[in-house]
Amino acid sequence: MSADLMPFAGTIGGGFFVGLLAGYAIKKAINIVAVIIGIFIAAVAYMEYERIIDVNWAKLQAVSQNGLTWVANAIIHTSNNIGAGHTGALSNLGIPLADSASAGFALGMVRG
């Protein structure tokens, strides 16, 4: 009986571990990008304060708003296509891998 459960347990454990690593890595990457963007904006604000440069904040806001809209549309498009049928190599691994990978990803994002 335990021999029948070994592939199932391996799929669940492997999916959870891969999801955990992916969530952790993505959270760390997001944190690094946020710090870099924050330092850049602080540097630009400081240079404007010292009258080294003149920043058109309205245009900067419009450009960043367009970028955020593009990212939001890309996320919506991706989330709409997640449930679509896939014919790739991972499509036959089934629900245990997806569920455990999702749980691992969520834990990695929270603990990362």
C-alpha atoms as a PDB file:
ATOM      1  CA  MET A   1       0.000   0.000   0.000  1.00  0.00           C
ATOM      2  CA  SER A   2       2.813   2.457   0.785  1.00  0.00           C
ATOM      3  CA  ALA A   3       4.370   1.761  -2.634  1.00  0.00           C
ATOM      4  CA  ASP A   4       1.193   3.113  -4.216  1.00  0.00           C
ATOM      5  CA  LEU A   5       1.463   6.357  -2.243  1.00  0.00           C
ATOM      6  CA  MET A   6       5.144   7.075  -2.925  1.00  0.00           C
ATOM      7  CA  PRO A   7       4.682   8.758  -6.342  1.00  0.00           C
ATOM      8  CA  PHE A   8       1.764  10.753  -4.947  1.00  0.00           C
ATOM      9  CA  ALA A   9       3.794  11.890  -1.913  1.00  0.00           C
ATOM     10  CA  GLY A  10       6.778  12.731  -4.121  1.00  0.00           C
ATOM     11  CA  THR A  11       4.598  14.840  -6.392  1.00  0.00           C
ATOM     12  CA  ILE A  12       3.080  16.729  -3.466  1.00  0.00           C
ATOM     13  CA  GLY A  13       6.412  17.262  -1.690  1.00  0.00           C
ATOM     14  CA  GLY A  14       8.270  18.234  -4.852  1.00  0.00           C
ATOM     15  CA  GLY A  15       5.553  20.641  -5.929  1.00  0.00           C
ATOM     16  CA  PHE A  16       5.465  22.257  -2.495  1.00  0.00           C
ATOM     17  CA  PHE A  17       9.251  22.656  -2.418  1.00  0.00           C
ATOM     18  CA  VAL A  18       9.401  24.147  -5.929  1.00  0.00           C
ATOM     19  CA  GLY A  19       6.528  26.511  -5.095  1.00  0.00           C
ATOM     20  CA  LEU A  20       8.218  27.529  -1.851  1.00  0.00           C
ATOM     21  CA  LEU A  21      11.487  28.334  -3.627  1.00  0.00           C
ATOM     22  CA  ALA A  22       9.710  30.237  -6.399  1.00  0.00           C
ATOM     23  CA  GLY A  23       7.663  32.298  -3.938  1.00  0.00           C
ATOM     24  CA  TYR A  24      10.721  33.095  -1.829  1.00  0.00           C
ATOM     25  CA  ALA A  25      12.798  34.110  -4.859  1.00  0.00           C
ATOM     26  CA  ILE A  26      10.042  36.276  -6.326  1.00  0.00           C
ATOM     27  CA  LYS A  27       9.454  38.020  -2.994  1.00  0.00           C
ATOM     28  CA  LYS A  28      13.179  38.782  -2.650  1.00  0.00           C
ATOM     29  CA  ALA A  29      13.353  40.071  -6.233  1.00  0.00           C
ATOM     30  CA  ILE A  30      10.338  42.331  -5.650  1.00  0.00           C
ATOM     31  CA  ASN A  31      11.955  43.703  -2.484  1.00  0.00           C
ATOM     32  CA  ILE A  32      15.233  44.441  -4.288  1.00  0.00           C
ATOM     33  CA  VAL A  33      13.437  46.185  -7.168  1.00  0.00           C
ATOM     34  CA  ALA A  34      11.349  48.233  -4.704  1.00  0.00           C
ATOM     35  CA  VAL A  35      14.492  49.395  -2.876  1.00  0.00           C
ATOM     36  CA  ILE A  36      16.224  50.344  -6.155  1.00  0.00           C
ATOM     37  CA  ILE A  37      13.184  52.301  -7.362  1.00  0.00           C
ATOM     38  CA  GLY A  38      12.865  54.018  -3.978  1.00  0.00           C
ATOM     39  CA  ILE A  39      16.514  55.062  -3.971  1.00  0.00           C
ATOM     40  CA  PHE A  40      16.180  56.348  -7.551  1.00  0.00           C
ATOM     41  CA  ILE A  41      13.097  58.440  -6.715  1.00  0.00           C
ATOM     42  CA  ALA A  42      14.766  59.787  -3.563  1.00  0.00           C
ATOM     43  CA  ALA A  43      17.863  60.735  -5.583  1.00  0.00           C
ATOM     44  CA  VAL A  44      15.769  62.500  -8.232  1.00  0.00           C
ATOM     45  CA  ALA A  45      13.808  64.366  -5.535  1.00  0.00           C
ATOM     46  CA  TYR A  46      17.041  65.402  -3.832  1.00  0.00           C
ATOM     47  CA  MET A  47      18.581  66.624  -7.087  1.00  0.00           C
ATOM     48  CA  GLU A  48      15.452  68.644  -7.781  1.00  0.00           C
ATOM     49  CA  TYR A  49      15.581  70.097  -4.257  1.00  0.00           C
ATOM     50  CA  GLU A  50      19.189  71.159  -4.842  1.00  0.00           C
ATOM     51  CA  ARG A  51      18.093  72.622  -8.220  1.00  0.00           C
ATOM     52  CA  ILE A  52      20.434  70.368 -10.153  1.00  0.00           C
ATOM     53  CA  ILE A  53      17.582  69.116 -12.326  1.00  0.00           C
ATOM     54  CA  ASP A  54      14.003  70.134 -13.005  1.00  0.00           C
ATOM     55  CA  VAL A  55      11.496  67.278 -12.860  1.00  0.00           C
ATOM     56  CA  ASN A  56       8.090  67.388 -14.538  1.00  0.00           C
ATOM     57  CA  TRP A  57       6.265  65.346 -11.882  1.00  0.00           C
ATOM     58  CA  ALA A  58       2.979  65.363 -13.838  1.00  0.00           C
ATOM     59  CA  LYS A  59       4.634  63.753 -16.871  1.00  0.00           C
ATOM     60  CA  LEU A  60       6.494  61.290 -14.638  1.00  0.00           C
ATOM     61  CA  GLN A  61       3.197  60.318 -13.020  1.00  0.00           C
ATOM     62  CA  ALA A  62       1.551  59.838 -16.425  1.00  0.00           C
ATOM     63  CA  VAL A  63       4.386  57.613 -17.648  1.00  0.00           C
ATOM     64  CA  SER A  64       4.411  55.535 -14.468  1.00  0.00           C
ATOM     65  CA  GLN A  65       0.608  55.236 -14.581  1.00  0.00           C
ATOM     66  CA  ASN A  66       0.842  53.853 -18.124  1.00  0.00           C
ATOM     67  CA  GLY A  67       3.432  51.345 -16.958  1.00  0.00           C
ATOM     68  CA  LEU A  68       1.305  50.248 -14.024  1.00  0.00           C
ATOM     69  CA  THR A  69      -1.723  49.891 -16.306  1.00  0.00           C
ATOM     70  CA  TRP A  70       0.322  47.669 -18.635  1.00  0.00           C
ATOM     71  CA  VAL A  71       1.459  45.496 -15.707  1.00  0.00           C
ATOM     72  CA  ALA A  72      -2.114  45.210 -14.391  1.00  0.00           C
ATOM     73  CA  ASN A  73      -3.389  44.203 -17.840  1.00  0.00           C
ATOM     74  CA  ALA A  74      -0.619  41.615 -18.160  1.00  0.00           C
ATOM     75  CA  ILE A  75      -1.513  40.138 -14.760  1.00  0.00           C
ATOM     76  CA  ILE A  76      -5.204  40.020 -15.666  1.00  0.00           C
ATOM     77  CA  HIS A  77      -4.396  38.359 -18.997  1.00  0.00           C
ATOM     78  CA  THR A  78      -2.180  35.792 -17.295  1.00  0.00           C
ATOM     79  CA  SER A  79      -4.724  35.010 -14.595  1.00  0.00           C
ATOM     80  CA  ASN A  80      -7.456  34.566 -17.216  1.00  0.00           C
ATOM     81  CA  ASN A  81      -5.288  32.074 -19.104  1.00  0.00           C
ATOM     82  CA  ILE A  82      -4.276  29.989 -16.084  1.00  0.00           C
ATOM     83  CA  GLY A  83      -7.430  27.874 -16.255  1.00  0.00           C
ATOM     84  CA  ALA A  84      -7.109  27.286 -19.993  1.00  0.00           C
ATOM     85  CA  GLY A  85      -6.246  23.824 -21.242  1.00  0.00           C
ATOM     86  CA  HIS A  86      -2.533  23.123 -21.473  1.00  0.00           C
ATOM     87  CA  THR A  87      -0.923  20.420 -23.536  1.00  0.00           C
ATOM     88  CA  GLY A  88       2.576  20.804 -22.127  1.00  0.00           C
ATOM     89  CA  ALA A  89       4.701  18.377 -20.179  1.00  0.00           C
ATOM     90  CA  LEU A  90       3.275  19.454 -16.821  1.00  0.00           C
ATOM     91  CA  SER A  91      -0.360  19.073 -17.827  1.00  0.00           C
ATOM     92  CA  ASN A  92      -0.490  15.382 -16.900  1.00  0.00           C
ATOM     93  CA  LEU A  93       0.927  15.802 -13.390  1.00  0.00           C
ATOM     94  CA  GLY A  94      -2.494  16.633 -12.038  1.00  0.00           C
ATOM     95  CA  ILE A  95      -4.021  18.494  -9.156  1.00  0.00           C
ATOM     96  CA  PRO A  96      -1.675  17.362  -6.323  1.00  0.00           C
ATOM     97  CA  LEU A  97       1.283  19.166  -7.924  1.00  0.00           C
ATOM     98  CA  ALA A  98      -0.718  22.336  -8.602  1.00  0.00           C
ATOM     99  CA  ASP A  99      -2.232  22.447  -5.125  1.00  0.00           C
ATOM    100  CA  SER A 100       1.003  21.770  -3.303  1.00  0.00           C
ATOM    101  CA  ALA A 101       2.944  24.183  -5.516  1.00  0.00           C
ATOM    102  CA  SER A 102       0.340  26.888  -4.851  1.00  0.00           C
ATOM    103  CA  ALA A 103       0.568  26.304  -1.112  1.00  0.00           C
ATOM    104  CA  GLY A 104       4.371  26.387  -1.252  1.00  0.00           C
ATOM    105  CA  PHE A 105       4.323  29.544  -3.370  1.00  0.00           C
ATOM    106  CA  ALA A 106       1.997  31.284  -0.918  1.00  0.00           C
ATOM    107  CA  LEU A 107       4.181  30.285   2.032  1.00  0.00           C
ATOM    108  CA  GLY A 108       7.297  31.423   0.197  1.00  0.00           C
ATOM    109  CA  MET A 109       5.734  34.809  -0.534  1.00  0.00           C
ATOM    110  CA  VAL A 110       4.631  35.240   3.091  1.00  0.00           C
ATOM    111  CA  ARG A 111       7.900  34.101   4.693  1.00  0.00           C
ATOM    112  CA  GLY A 112      10.261  35.526   2.031  1.00  0.00           C
END
